[in-house]
Amino acid sequence: MLDDLDDQALDALPYGVICLDENLRVARMNRTECERTGIQRWRALGRPYFGDVAAGDRNRVLAESVAAFAQGRASARTFDHVFPRRKGADATHIELQQGRQRRVYLCIRRD
């Protein structure tokens, strides 16, 4: 379980990881995701992921899917998503994992 990994172990994973708390605020973010997005971890922590960090209409469906999963209303755990970026787009495959204390982990692999 990703909750059991300390920050150093989370940073060692070869794919991006973002942990959202029950209010969908960034609770954890690994180095791989920071490097791939250019977002500094300290700027993301505590901020609403879909309001500040991954804002935009193109992320609305992802936000709804993650919220439904977090509330136990959706069983879909994996899906493809394209994050809009300043220069083009970033095609990804996302796996959702349930953490403790109503946390949700987004495991993000880029194509």
PDB file of N, CA and C in Angstrom:
ATOM      1  N   MET A   1       0.842  -1.176   0.000  1.00  0.00           N
ATOM      2  CA  MET A   1       0.000   0.000   0.000  1.00  0.00           C
ATOM      3  C   MET A   1       0.889   1.242   0.000  1.00  0.00           C
ATOM      4  N   LEU A   2       0.536   2.203  -0.809  1.00  0.00           N
ATOM      5  CA  LEU A   2       1.344   3.418  -0.929  1.00  0.00           C
ATOM      6  C   LEU A   2       1.397   4.221   0.364  1.00  0.00           C
ATOM      7  N   ASP A   3       0.373   4.105   1.204  1.00  0.00           N
ATOM      8  CA  ASP A   3       0.400   4.795   2.503  1.00  0.00           C
ATOM      9  C   ASP A   3       1.580   4.339   3.361  1.00  0.00           C
ATOM     10  N   ASP A   4       2.038   3.103   3.134  1.00  0.00           N
ATOM     11  CA  ASP A   4       3.117   2.543   3.943  1.00  0.00           C
ATOM     12  C   ASP A   4       4.504   3.008   3.507  1.00  0.00           C
ATOM     13  N   LEU A   5       4.611   3.654   2.349  1.00  0.00           N
ATOM     14  CA  LEU A   5       5.899   4.123   1.858  1.00  0.00           C
ATOM     15  C   LEU A   5       6.225   5.497   2.437  1.00  0.00           C
ATOM     16  N   ASP A   6       7.480   5.660   2.851  1.00  0.00           N
ATOM     17  CA  ASP A   6       7.898   6.995   3.275  1.00  0.00           C
ATOM     18  C   ASP A   6       8.169   7.833   2.026  1.00  0.00           C
ATOM     19  N   ASP A   7       8.470   9.115   2.207  1.00  0.00           N
ATOM     20  CA  ASP A   7       8.647  10.008   1.064  1.00  0.00           C
ATOM     21  C   ASP A   7       9.805   9.573   0.166  1.00  0.00           C
ATOM     22  N   GLN A   8      10.880   9.062   0.751  1.00  0.00           N
ATOM     23  CA  GLN A   8      12.031   8.626  -0.042  1.00  0.00           C
ATOM     24  C   GLN A   8      11.649   7.442  -0.937  1.00  0.00           C
ATOM     25  N   ALA A   9      10.908   6.495  -0.412  1.00  0.00           N
ATOM     26  CA  ALA A   9      10.478   5.342  -1.206  1.00  0.00           C
ATOM     27  C   ALA A   9       9.482   5.768  -2.278  1.00  0.00           C
ATOM     28  N   LEU A  10       8.600   6.693  -1.948  1.00  0.00           N
ATOM     29  CA  LEU A  10       7.637   7.205  -2.927  1.00  0.00           C
ATOM     30  C   LEU A  10       8.374   7.926  -4.058  1.00  0.00           C
ATOM     31  N   ASP A  11       9.402   8.675  -3.713  1.00  0.00           N
ATOM     32  CA  ASP A  11      10.200   9.380  -4.716  1.00  0.00           C
ATOM     33  C   ASP A  11      10.955   8.426  -5.639  1.00  0.00           C
ATOM     34  N   ALA A  12      11.258   7.228  -5.170  1.00  0.00           N
ATOM     35  CA  ALA A  12      12.018   6.261  -5.962  1.00  0.00           C
ATOM     36  C   ALA A  12      11.164   5.552  -7.018  1.00  0.00           C
ATOM     37  N   LEU A  13       9.847   5.681  -6.929  1.00  0.00           N
ATOM     38  CA  LEU A  13       8.984   5.009  -7.908  1.00  0.00           C
ATOM     39  C   LEU A  13       9.186   5.623  -9.294  1.00  0.00           C
ATOM     40  N   PRO A  14       9.154   4.781 -10.342  1.00  0.00           N
ATOM     41  CA  PRO A  14       9.419   5.274 -11.702  1.00  0.00           C
ATOM     42  C   PRO A  14       8.226   5.938 -12.379  1.00  0.00           C
ATOM     43  N   TYR A  15       7.149   6.115 -11.668  1.00  0.00           N
ATOM     44  CA  TYR A  15       5.948   6.752 -12.216  1.00  0.00           C
ATOM     45  C   TYR A  15       5.474   7.820 -11.238  1.00  0.00           C
ATOM     46  N   GLY A  16       4.658   8.729 -11.735  1.00  0.00           N
ATOM     47  CA  GLY A  16       4.161   9.811 -10.907  1.00  0.00           C
ATOM     48  C   GLY A  16       3.123   9.342  -9.909  1.00  0.00           C
ATOM     49  N   VAL A  17       3.168   9.905  -8.710  1.00  0.00           N
ATOM     50  CA  VAL A  17       2.190   9.577  -7.671  1.00  0.00           C
ATOM     51  C   VAL A  17       1.721  10.877  -7.028  1.00  0.00           C
ATOM     52  N   ILE A  18       0.408  11.019  -6.956  1.00  0.00           N
ATOM     53  CA  ILE A  18      -0.201  12.137  -6.244  1.00  0.00           C
ATOM     54  C   ILE A  18      -1.208  11.546  -5.274  1.00  0.00           C
ATOM     55  N   CYS A  19      -1.108  11.932  -4.016  1.00  0.00           N
ATOM     56  CA  CYS A  19      -2.051  11.485  -2.996  1.00  0.00           C
ATOM     57  C   CYS A  19      -2.965  12.657  -2.665  1.00  0.00           C
ATOM     58  N   LEU A  20      -4.261  12.394  -2.739  1.00  0.00           N
ATOM     59  CA  LEU A  20      -5.256  13.418  -2.424  1.00  0.00           C
ATOM     60  C   LEU A  20      -5.978  13.042  -1.142  1.00  0.00           C
ATOM     61  N   ASP A  21      -6.214  14.026  -0.290  1.00  0.00           N
ATOM     62  CA  ASP A  21      -6.964  13.769   0.935  1.00  0.00           C
ATOM     63  C   ASP A  21      -8.463  13.722   0.629  1.00  0.00           C
ATOM     64  N   GLU A  22      -9.270  13.616   1.654  1.00  0.00           N
ATOM     65  CA  GLU A  22     -10.719  13.470   1.455  1.00  0.00           C
ATOM     66  C   GLU A  22     -11.357  14.685   0.794  1.00  0.00           C
ATOM     67  N   ASN A  23     -10.683  15.831   0.829  1.00  0.00           N
ATOM     68  CA  ASN A  23     -11.183  17.046   0.172  1.00  0.00           C
ATOM     69  C   ASN A  23     -10.531  17.278  -1.187  1.00  0.00           C
ATOM     70  N   LEU A  24      -9.825  16.262  -1.680  1.00  0.00           N
ATOM     71  CA  LEU A  24      -9.122  16.284  -2.967  1.00  0.00           C
ATOM     72  C   LEU A  24      -8.035  17.365  -3.014  1.00  0.00           C
ATOM     73  N   ARG A  25      -7.407  17.563  -1.843  1.00  0.00           N
ATOM     74  CA  ARG A  25      -6.239  18.443  -1.765  1.00  0.00           C
ATOM     75  C   ARG A  25      -4.988  17.567  -1.802  1.00  0.00           C
ATOM     76  N   VAL A  26      -3.923  18.092  -2.349  1.00  0.00           N
ATOM     77  CA  VAL A  26      -2.688  17.329  -2.483  1.00  0.00           C
ATOM     78  C   VAL A  26      -2.075  17.096  -1.104  1.00  0.00           C
ATOM     79  N   ALA A  27      -1.963  15.819  -0.729  1.00  0.00           N
ATOM     80  CA  ALA A  27      -1.365  15.446   0.545  1.00  0.00           C
ATOM     81  C   ALA A  27       0.080  14.986   0.356  1.00  0.00           C
ATOM     82  N   ARG A  28       0.352  14.365  -0.795  1.00  0.00           N
ATOM     83  CA  ARG A  28       1.697  13.884  -1.114  1.00  0.00           C
ATOM     84  C   ARG A  28       1.879  13.958  -2.631  1.00  0.00           C
ATOM     85  N   MET A  29       3.113  14.123  -3.040  1.00  0.00           N
ATOM     86  CA  MET A  29       3.420  14.159  -4.476  1.00  0.00           C
ATOM     87  C   MET A  29       4.864  13.707  -4.618  1.00  0.00           C
ATOM     88  N   ASN A  30       5.104  12.725  -5.463  1.00  0.00           N
ATOM     89  CA  ASN A  30       6.473  12.230  -5.547  1.00  0.00           C
ATOM     90  C   ASN A  30       7.320  13.021  -6.539  1.00  0.00           C
ATOM     91  N   ARG A  31       8.611  12.799  -6.462  1.00  0.00           N
ATOM     92  CA  ARG A  31       9.580  13.532  -7.276  1.00  0.00           C
ATOM     93  C   ARG A  31       9.341  13.323  -8.770  1.00  0.00           C
ATOM     94  N   THR A  32       9.010  12.099  -9.171  1.00  0.00           N
ATOM     95  CA  THR A  32       8.778  11.811 -10.591  1.00  0.00           C
ATOM     96  C   THR A  32       7.684  12.708 -11.145  1.00  0.00           C
ATOM     97  N   GLU A  33       6.598  12.856 -10.414  1.00  0.00           N
ATOM     98  CA  GLU A  33       5.493  13.699 -10.883  1.00  0.00           C
ATOM     99  C   GLU A  33       5.895  15.172 -10.898  1.00  0.00           C
ATOM    100  N   CYS A  34       6.653  15.587  -9.910  1.00  0.00           N
ATOM    101  CA  CYS A  34       7.127  16.975  -9.884  1.00  0.00           C
ATOM    102  C   CYS A  34       8.003  17.280 -11.092  1.00  0.00           C
ATOM    103  N   GLU A  35       8.914  16.366 -11.404  1.00  0.00           N
ATOM    104  CA  GLU A  35       9.821  16.578 -12.529  1.00  0.00           C
ATOM    105  C   GLU A  35       9.073  16.580 -13.861  1.00  0.00           C
ATOM    106  N   ARG A  36       8.108  15.708 -14.007  1.00  0.00           N
ATOM    107  CA  ARG A  36       7.377  15.609 -15.275  1.00  0.00           C
ATOM    108  C   ARG A  36       6.423  16.778 -15.501  1.00  0.00           C
ATOM    109  N   THR A  37       5.920  17.346 -14.432  1.00  0.00           N
ATOM    110  CA  THR A  37       4.954  18.445 -14.581  1.00  0.00           C
ATOM    111  C   THR A  37       5.587  19.819 -14.409  1.00  0.00           C
ATOM    112  N   GLY A  38       6.746  19.862 -13.771  1.00  0.00           N
ATOM    113  CA  GLY A  38       7.379  21.141 -13.490  1.00  0.00           C
ATOM    114  C   GLY A  38       6.761  21.849 -12.294  1.00  0.00           C
ATOM    115  N   ILE A  39       5.951  21.139 -11.531  1.00  0.00           N
ATOM    116  CA  ILE A  39       5.291  21.711 -10.350  1.00  0.00           C
ATOM    117  C   ILE A  39       6.130  21.393  -9.114  1.00  0.00           C
ATOM    118  N   GLN A  40       6.493  22.399  -8.376  1.00  0.00           N
ATOM    119  CA  GLN A  40       7.252  22.180  -7.153  1.00  0.00           C
ATOM    120  C   GLN A  40       6.334  21.604  -6.085  1.00  0.00           C
ATOM    121  N   ARG A  41       6.820  20.582  -5.423  1.00  0.00           N
ATOM    122  CA  ARG A  41       6.017  19.871  -4.422  1.00  0.00           C
ATOM    123  C   ARG A  41       5.463  20.815  -3.359  1.00  0.00           C
ATOM    124  N   TRP A  42       6.302  21.691  -2.841  1.00  0.00           N
ATOM    125  CA  TRP A  42       5.859  22.572  -1.758  1.00  0.00           C
ATOM    126  C   TRP A  42       4.743  23.504  -2.215  1.00  0.00           C
ATOM    127  N   ARG A  43       4.686  23.810  -3.512  1.00  0.00           N
ATOM    128  CA  ARG A  43       3.611  24.672  -4.016  1.00  0.00           C
ATOM    129  C   ARG A  43       2.290  23.906  -4.148  1.00  0.00           C
ATOM    130  N   ALA A  44       2.366  22.596  -4.346  1.00  0.00           N
ATOM    131  CA  ALA A  44       1.158  21.788  -4.548  1.00  0.00           C
ATOM    132  C   ALA A  44       0.538  21.306  -3.233  1.00  0.00           C
ATOM    133  N   LEU A  45       1.368  21.019  -2.245  1.00  0.00           N
ATOM    134  CA  LEU A  45       0.863  20.433  -0.994  1.00  0.00           C
ATOM    135  C   LEU A  45      -0.191  21.330  -0.338  1.00  0.00           C
ATOM    136  N   GLY A  46      -1.300  20.702   0.010  1.00  0.00           N
ATOM    137  CA  GLY A  46      -2.382  21.398   0.694  1.00  0.00           C
ATOM    138  C   GLY A  46      -3.342  22.136  -0.230  1.00  0.00           C
ATOM    139  N   ARG A  47      -3.028  22.181  -1.509  1.00  0.00           N
ATOM    140  CA  ARG A  47      -3.876  22.912  -2.456  1.00  0.00           C
ATOM    141  C   ARG A  47      -4.867  21.971  -3.127  1.00  0.00           C
ATOM    142  N   PRO A  48      -6.030  22.477  -3.508  1.00  0.00           N
ATOM    143  CA  PRO A  48      -7.007  21.643  -4.223  1.00  0.00           C
ATOM    144  C   PRO A  48      -6.411  21.188  -5.562  1.00  0.00           C
ATOM    145  N   TYR A  49      -6.326  19.891  -5.760  1.00  0.00           N
ATOM    146  CA  TYR A  49      -5.687  19.379  -6.967  1.00  0.00           C
ATOM    147  C   TYR A  49      -6.408  19.839  -8.228  1.00  0.00           C
ATOM    148  N   PHE A  50      -7.714  19.668  -8.256  1.00  0.00           N
ATOM    149  CA  PHE A  50      -8.463  20.008  -9.464  1.00  0.00           C
ATOM    150  C   PHE A  50      -8.851  21.480  -9.537  1.00  0.00           C
ATOM    151  N   GLY A  51      -8.622  22.226  -8.484  1.00  0.00           N
ATOM    152  CA  GLY A  51      -8.916  23.643  -8.522  1.00  0.00           C
ATOM    153  C   GLY A  51      -7.691  24.483  -8.826  1.00  0.00           C
ATOM    154  N   ASP A  52      -6.524  24.037  -8.333  1.00  0.00           N
ATOM    155  CA  ASP A  52      -5.307  24.826  -8.475  1.00  0.00           C
ATOM    156  C   ASP A  52      -4.218  24.118  -9.286  1.00  0.00           C
ATOM    157  N   VAL A  53      -3.967  22.866  -8.974  1.00  0.00           N
ATOM    158  CA  VAL A  53      -2.823  22.165  -9.554  1.00  0.00           C
ATOM    159  C   VAL A  53      -3.131  21.651 -10.963  1.00  0.00           C
ATOM    160  N   ALA A  54      -4.233  20.974 -11.129  1.00  0.00           N
ATOM    161  CA  ALA A  54      -4.639  20.447 -12.450  1.00  0.00           C
ATOM    162  C   ALA A  54      -5.978  21.058 -12.834  1.00  0.00           C
ATOM    163  N   ALA A  55      -6.025  22.358 -12.822  1.00  0.00           N
ATOM    164  CA  ALA A  55      -7.269  23.072 -13.123  1.00  0.00           C
ATOM    165  C   ALA A  55      -7.562  23.020 -14.621  1.00  0.00           C
ATOM    166  N   GLY A  56      -8.808  23.271 -14.951  1.00  0.00           N
ATOM    167  CA  GLY A  56      -9.196  23.365 -16.353  1.00  0.00           C
ATOM    168  C   GLY A  56     -10.358  22.458 -16.700  1.00  0.00           C
ATOM    169  N   ASP A  57     -11.082  22.864 -17.713  1.00  0.00           N
ATOM    170  CA  ASP A  57     -12.252  22.098 -18.131  1.00  0.00           C
ATOM    171  C   ASP A  57     -11.901  20.701 -18.615  1.00  0.00           C
ATOM    172  N   ARG A  58     -10.733  20.531 -19.225  1.00  0.00           N
ATOM    173  CA  ARG A  58     -10.361  19.220 -19.742  1.00  0.00           C
ATOM    174  C   ARG A  58     -10.105  18.216 -18.628  1.00  0.00           C
ATOM    175  N   ASN A  59      -9.924  18.675 -17.412  1.00  0.00           N
ATOM    176  CA  ASN A  59      -9.693  17.776 -16.277  1.00  0.00           C
ATOM    177  C   ASN A  59     -10.966  17.526 -15.468  1.00  0.00           C
ATOM    178  N   ARG A  60     -12.090  18.089 -15.915  1.00  0.00           N
ATOM    179  CA  ARG A  60     -13.346  17.951 -15.160  1.00  0.00           C
ATOM    180  C   ARG A  60     -13.780  16.485 -15.046  1.00  0.00           C
ATOM    181  N   VAL A  61     -13.692  15.738 -16.131  1.00  0.00           N
ATOM    182  CA  VAL A  61     -14.096  14.326 -16.102  1.00  0.00           C
ATOM    183  C   VAL A  61     -13.207  13.543 -15.149  1.00  0.00           C
ATOM    184  N   LEU A  62     -11.908  13.813 -15.173  1.00  0.00           N
ATOM    185  CA  LEU A  62     -10.993  13.163 -14.242  1.00  0.00           C
ATOM    186  C   LEU A  62     -11.368  13.508 -12.811  1.00  0.00           C
ATOM    187  N   ALA A  63     -11.650  14.771 -12.542  1.00  0.00           N
ATOM    188  CA  ALA A  63     -12.039  15.205 -11.191  1.00  0.00           C
ATOM    189  C   ALA A  63     -13.288  14.471 -10.725  1.00  0.00           C
ATOM    190  N   GLU A  64     -14.265  14.346 -11.586  1.00  0.00           N
ATOM    191  CA  GLU A  64     -15.505  13.648 -11.231  1.00  0.00           C
ATOM    192  C   GLU A  64     -15.246  12.171 -10.981  1.00  0.00           C
ATOM    193  N   SER A  65     -14.391  11.554 -11.787  1.00  0.00           N
ATOM    194  CA  SER A  65     -14.065  10.133 -11.608  1.00  0.00           C
ATOM    195  C   SER A  65     -13.341   9.883 -10.295  1.00  0.00           C
ATOM    196  N   VAL A  66     -12.394  10.745  -9.971  1.00  0.00           N
ATOM    197  CA  VAL A  66     -11.640  10.594  -8.728  1.00  0.00           C
ATOM    198  C   VAL A  66     -12.552  10.820  -7.521  1.00  0.00           C
ATOM    199  N   ALA A  67     -13.406  11.826  -7.579  1.00  0.00           N
ATOM    200  CA  ALA A  67     -14.331  12.095  -6.471  1.00  0.00           C
ATOM    201  C   ALA A  67     -15.278  10.919  -6.262  1.00  0.00           C
ATOM    202  N   ALA A  68     -15.788  10.357  -7.338  1.00  0.00           N
ATOM    203  CA  ALA A  68     -16.696   9.207  -7.223  1.00  0.00           C
ATOM    204  C   ALA A  68     -15.965   8.009  -6.631  1.00  0.00           C
ATOM    205  N   PHE A  69     -14.735   7.776  -7.043  1.00  0.00           N
ATOM    206  CA  PHE A  69     -13.939   6.675  -6.500  1.00  0.00           C
ATOM    207  C   PHE A  69     -13.684   6.894  -5.009  1.00  0.00           C
ATOM    208  N   ALA A  70     -13.323   8.104  -4.646  1.00  0.00           N
ATOM    209  CA  ALA A  70     -13.035   8.423  -3.245  1.00  0.00           C
ATOM    210  C   ALA A  70     -14.242   8.215  -2.347  1.00  0.00           C
ATOM    211  N   GLN A  71     -15.423   8.439  -2.882  1.00  0.00           N
ATOM    212  CA  GLN A  71     -16.657   8.288  -2.114  1.00  0.00           C
ATOM    213  C   GLN A  71     -17.250   6.891  -2.230  1.00  0.00           C
ATOM    214  N   GLY A  72     -16.563   5.996  -2.919  1.00  0.00           N
ATOM    215  CA  GLY A  72     -17.034   4.627  -3.064  1.00  0.00           C
ATOM    216  C   GLY A  72     -18.190   4.479  -4.041  1.00  0.00           C
ATOM    217  N   ARG A  73     -18.390   5.463  -4.893  1.00  0.00           N
ATOM    218  CA  ARG A  73     -19.495   5.415  -5.853  1.00  0.00           C
ATOM    219  C   ARG A  73     -19.071   4.914  -7.228  1.00  0.00           C
ATOM    220  N   ALA A  74     -17.801   4.623  -7.404  1.00  0.00           N
ATOM    221  CA  ALA A  74     -17.322   4.173  -8.709  1.00  0.00           C
ATOM    222  C   ALA A  74     -16.332   3.040  -8.510  1.00  0.00           C
ATOM    223  N   SER A  75     -16.401   2.064  -9.372  1.00  0.00           N
ATOM    224  CA  SER A  75     -15.483   0.940  -9.273  1.00  0.00           C
ATOM    225  C   SER A  75     -14.329   1.045 -10.270  1.00  0.00           C
ATOM    226  N   ALA A  76     -14.431   1.950 -11.241  1.00  0.00           N
ATOM    227  CA  ALA A  76     -13.362   2.100 -12.227  1.00  0.00           C
ATOM    228  C   ALA A  76     -12.081   2.527 -11.528  1.00  0.00           C
ATOM    229  N   ARG A  77     -11.033   1.766 -11.745  1.00  0.00           N
ATOM    230  CA  ARG A  77      -9.761   2.046 -11.082  1.00  0.00           C
ATOM    231  C   ARG A  77      -8.688   2.510 -12.057  1.00  0.00           C
ATOM    232  N   THR A  78      -8.868   2.239 -13.324  1.00  0.00           N
ATOM    233  CA  THR A  78      -7.864   2.634 -14.303  1.00  0.00           C
ATOM    234  C   THR A  78      -8.531   3.284 -15.505  1.00  0.00           C
ATOM    235  N   PHE A  79      -7.854   4.255 -16.056  1.00  0.00           N
ATOM    236  CA  PHE A  79      -8.357   4.900 -17.258  1.00  0.00           C
ATOM    237  C   PHE A  79      -7.257   5.744 -17.874  1.00  0.00           C
ATOM    238  N   ASP A  80      -7.464   6.109 -19.121  1.00  0.00           N
ATOM    239  CA  ASP A  80      -6.536   6.973 -19.836  1.00  0.00           C
ATOM    240  C   ASP A  80      -7.027   8.413 -19.730  1.00  0.00           C
ATOM    241  N   HIS A  81      -6.082   9.324 -19.672  1.00  0.00           N
ATOM    242  CA  HIS A  81      -6.427  10.742 -19.569  1.00  0.00           C
ATOM    243  C   HIS A  81      -5.347  11.565 -20.246  1.00  0.00           C
ATOM    244  N   VAL A  82      -5.738  12.668 -20.846  1.00  0.00           N
ATOM    245  CA  VAL A  82      -4.785  13.584 -21.463  1.00  0.00           C
ATOM    246  C   VAL A  82      -4.802  14.890 -20.674  1.00  0.00           C
ATOM    247  N   PHE A  83      -3.661  15.194 -20.046  1.00  0.00           N
ATOM    248  CA  PHE A  83      -3.527  16.446 -19.309  1.00  0.00           C
ATOM    249  C   PHE A  83      -3.119  17.543 -20.284  1.00  0.00           C
ATOM    250  N   PRO A  84      -3.855  18.656 -20.322  1.00  0.00           N
ATOM    251  CA  PRO A  84      -3.409  19.771 -21.157  1.00  0.00           C
ATOM    252  C   PRO A  84      -2.158  20.408 -20.535  1.00  0.00           C
ATOM    253  N   ARG A  85      -1.228  20.768 -21.365  1.00  0.00           N
ATOM    254  CA  ARG A  85      -0.004  21.425 -20.907  1.00  0.00           C
ATOM    255  C   ARG A  85       0.196  22.706 -21.717  1.00  0.00           C
ATOM    256  N   ARG A  86       1.072  23.546 -21.256  1.00  0.00           N
ATOM    257  CA  ARG A  86       1.351  24.789 -21.984  1.00  0.00           C
ATOM    258  C   ARG A  86       1.815  24.509 -23.414  1.00  0.00           C
ATOM    259  N   LYS A  87       2.605  23.478 -23.555  1.00  0.00           N
ATOM    260  CA  LYS A  87       3.118  23.106 -24.871  1.00  0.00           C
ATOM    261  C   LYS A  87       2.566  21.731 -25.236  1.00  0.00           C
ATOM    262  N   GLY A  88       1.353  21.672 -25.749  1.00  0.00           N
ATOM    263  CA  GLY A  88       0.772  20.403 -26.183  1.00  0.00           C
ATOM    264  C   GLY A  88      -0.028  19.722 -25.105  1.00  0.00           C
ATOM    265  N   ALA A  89       0.052  18.390 -25.089  1.00  0.00           N
ATOM    266  CA  ALA A  89      -0.724  17.591 -24.148  1.00  0.00           C
ATOM    267  C   ALA A  89       0.128  16.436 -23.645  1.00  0.00           C
ATOM    268  N   ASP A  90      -0.298  15.844 -22.551  1.00  0.00           N
ATOM    269  CA  ASP A  90       0.438  14.776 -21.898  1.00  0.00           C
ATOM    270  C   ASP A  90      -0.497  13.579 -21.745  1.00  0.00           C
ATOM    271  N   ALA A  91      -0.363  12.591 -22.628  1.00  0.00           N
ATOM    272  CA  ALA A  91      -1.199  11.392 -22.557  1.00  0.00           C
ATOM    273  C   ALA A  91      -0.719  10.504 -21.411  1.00  0.00           C
ATOM    274  N   THR A  92      -1.657  10.059 -20.583  1.00  0.00           N
ATOM    275  CA  THR A  92      -1.306   9.259 -19.409  1.00  0.00           C
ATOM    276  C   THR A  92      -2.247   8.076 -19.243  1.00  0.00           C
ATOM    277  N   HIS A  93      -1.799   7.134 -18.432  1.00  0.00           N
ATOM    278  CA  HIS A  93      -2.643   6.044 -17.955  1.00  0.00           C
ATOM    279  C   HIS A  93      -2.644   6.176 -16.438  1.00  0.00           C
ATOM    280  N   ILE A  94      -3.819   6.272 -15.847  1.00  0.00           N
ATOM    281  CA  ILE A  94      -3.941   6.517 -14.407  1.00  0.00           C
ATOM    282  C   ILE A  94      -4.578   5.316 -13.724  1.00  0.00           C
ATOM    283  N   GLU A  95      -3.968   4.905 -12.625  1.00  0.00           N
ATOM    284  CA  GLU A  95      -4.545   3.878 -11.763  1.00  0.00           C
ATOM    285  C   GLU A  95      -4.850   4.537 -10.425  1.00  0.00           C
ATOM    286  N   LEU A  96      -6.070   4.368  -9.955  1.00  0.00           N
ATOM    287  CA  LEU A  96      -6.461   4.899  -8.644  1.00  0.00           C
ATOM    288  C   LEU A  96      -6.294   3.814  -7.595  1.00  0.00           C
ATOM    289  N   GLN A  97      -5.755   4.191  -6.449  1.00  0.00           N
ATOM    290  CA  GLN A  97      -5.626   3.278  -5.319  1.00  0.00           C
ATOM    291  C   GLN A  97      -6.193   3.953  -4.086  1.00  0.00           C
ATOM    292  N   GLN A  98      -6.944   3.189  -3.328  1.00  0.00           N
ATOM    293  CA  GLN A  98      -7.516   3.708  -2.090  1.00  0.00           C
ATOM    294  C   GLN A  98      -6.487   3.637  -0.989  1.00  0.00           C
ATOM    295  N   GLY A  99      -6.304   4.739  -0.284  1.00  0.00           N
ATOM    296  CA  GLY A  99      -5.409   4.774   0.855  1.00  0.00           C
ATOM    297  C   GLY A  99      -6.220   4.786   2.143  1.00  0.00           C
ATOM    298  N   ARG A 100      -5.519   4.906   3.248  1.00  0.00           N
ATOM    299  CA  ARG A 100      -6.210   5.012   4.537  1.00  0.00           C
ATOM    300  C   ARG A 100      -6.758   6.433   4.707  1.00  0.00           C
ATOM    301  N   GLN A 101      -7.675   6.585   5.614  1.00  0.00           N
ATOM    302  CA  GLN A 101      -8.262   7.885   5.961  1.00  0.00           C
ATOM    303  C   GLN A 101      -8.833   8.589   4.724  1.00  0.00           C
ATOM    304  N   ARG A 102      -9.514   7.858   3.900  1.00  0.00           N
ATOM    305  CA  ARG A 102     -10.187   8.359   2.693  1.00  0.00           C
ATOM    306  C   ARG A 102      -9.251   9.049   1.708  1.00  0.00           C
ATOM    307  N   ARG A 103      -8.010   8.637   1.717  1.00  0.00           N
ATOM    308  CA  ARG A 103      -7.058   9.156   0.741  1.00  0.00           C
ATOM    309  C   ARG A 103      -7.179   8.388  -0.570  1.00  0.00           C
ATOM    310  N   VAL A 104      -6.862   9.057  -1.660  1.00  0.00           N
ATOM    311  CA  VAL A 104      -6.838   8.428  -2.976  1.00  0.00           C
ATOM    312  C   VAL A 104      -5.487   8.736  -3.611  1.00  0.00           C
ATOM    313  N   TYR A 105      -4.865   7.701  -4.138  1.00  0.00           N
ATOM    314  CA  TYR A 105      -3.607   7.854  -4.846  1.00  0.00           C
ATOM    315  C   TYR A 105      -3.842   7.762  -6.337  1.00  0.00           C
ATOM    316  N   LEU A 106      -3.280   8.712  -7.076  1.00  0.00           N
ATOM    317  CA  LEU A 106      -3.273   8.669  -8.528  1.00  0.00           C
ATOM    318  C   LEU A 106      -1.876   8.214  -8.938  1.00  0.00           C
ATOM    319  N   CYS A 107      -1.776   7.042  -9.535  1.00  0.00           N
ATOM    320  CA  CYS A 107      -0.517   6.536 -10.059  1.00  0.00           C
ATOM    321  C   CYS A 107      -0.529   6.839 -11.549  1.00  0.00           C
ATOM    322  N   ILE A 108       0.355   7.726 -11.978  1.00  0.00           N
ATOM    323  CA  ILE A 108       0.280   8.302 -13.315  1.00  0.00           C
ATOM    324  C   ILE A 108       1.480   7.852 -14.146  1.00  0.00           C
ATOM    325  N   ARG A 109       1.158   7.118 -15.209  1.00  0.00           N
ATOM    326  CA  ARG A 109       2.194   6.667 -16.146  1.00  0.00           C
ATOM    327  C   ARG A 109       2.004   7.400 -17.464  1.00  0.00           C
ATOM    328  N   ARG A 110       3.067   7.944 -17.979  1.00  0.00           N
ATOM    329  CA  ARG A 110       3.011   8.665 -19.254  1.00  0.00           C
ATOM    330  C   ARG A 110       3.289   7.711 -20.399  1.00  0.00           C
ATOM    331  N   ASP A 111       2.650   8.004 -21.530  1.00  0.00           N
ATOM    332  CA  ASP A 111       2.888   7.197 -22.742  1.00  0.00           C
ATOM    333  C   ASP A 111       4.183   7.604 -23.401  1.00  0.00           C
TER     334      ASP A 111
END
